[in-house]
Amino acid sequence: MFSQLTAMMKKPALYEKGTAELWTDEHISKGMLESHLNPDWDSATRKHSFVQESVKWINSVAPVEKHPKLLDLGCGAGIYAEFFQKSGYHVTGMDFSMRSVNYAQNSAHEKNLPISYHLCDYLTLDFKEQFNLVTLINYDFGVLSTENREKLLGKIYKALIPGGLFIFDIFTPQLFIDKKEYRKWYYKDTSDFLCADPHICLDSFFLYEEQNTSCLCSIIITEHETKSINIWEHTFTKDEISNDLQNAGFKTKTFYGNIAGVDYSENSKEMCIVAQKGGKTNDSI
C-alpha cells in the first residue's frame, strides 16, 4: 500500500493516465448524468438557459439552412443535441459514457426526436464528408493529449464536407492566473461523486507552466482498493490553436469569448473558435 501510494503521489508525466478513467467509471457516471440533467448547474453541461442561448448563437453563425447535418461530439446526455434538433438540424451525437448515451437515446425516443446516437470514443470516428457542422462543447478539446488533439482534428476535418464548420470552445492561459499547486485530503463515510463506498481522497493539483497545462490528480482509497484519476486541462493561446487548425487543413478561424458568441478579449479565460474546412463552398462565416 505505501509503495503504491508513494508512486501515485508523484507529479505525473505530462498526460500520464491514472489507474481509473473518470468518464467511464460505473459510479461516477451516475453523478455525471445527474450533472448533465440539472438545468441550474454549470458542470458536465452548462446551465440549460445558457445552452439555449448558445444554440441560438450557433444557428446564427452556422445557419441550419446551410449546415443541416450536425455532429455533436461528447454529446453526454443529449442536452445540446436535443436543442440542436429542435432548431432544425439533423443531429448525430457521439459519446463513450454508456449511461449518458442510453439516457439520450431514451429521451429522444420519448420526445420523438430523430437523433442518431453512437456509443464510442470520438477519437475512433471514421466519417468522410458527411457533416456540414461539427461541435465539441464544454472544453473537451483541452483534456486531450497533444497527440490525440492532432488525431481528432484530422478526423473532424475528414468528417466535414468542404466548407463545413467546426465550432468548439477551449480555455486560455488566463485560467491559471493566481492558481497554485496544492495537496489536500478528506474522508467520506458515505458516497460522493468519486466513490460509492467510505473512502479517503487525496487530491493534488499540478501546474505545467511551460506547457500551459494542469492536472488534477485524485487518489481514492477504500477498504478494498486504491485507484487514481488524472484530469488534464491544456489551455491555448490564439497562435497555438490557429497553428493547430492550420496544420489540420482548416482555412478560416474566427474567435469569440465563449460558445454563446460574446466578444473575445485578451483577458478572457475561455475562447470559442469557428473554423472552416477548405474547399469550394458558398458558405461564409
Foldseek 3Di string as FASTA:
>chain_A
DVVVVVVQPDDDDVPDFWQDEQQADPQLLVVLLVQVPPQPDPDNHHRLVVLLLLLVLVCVQCPCVAWQEEEEEQCFLPSNVVSNQVSRHAYEYEEQHPVSQVNNVVVCVVVVRNYHYDRDHLLPDAAAQAGQEYEYEDAVLFQDDPVSNLSNLLRVLRNHHAFGKYKYKHFALLVCVPPDWDKDKDWDCADDSPDGHTWIKIWIKDDPPVQQKIWIKIWIDDPVDIIIGIGMGHHDDPVVVVVSNVVSAWDDKDKALHSSRHHDDPNRRMIMIMTGHHDDDPDDD
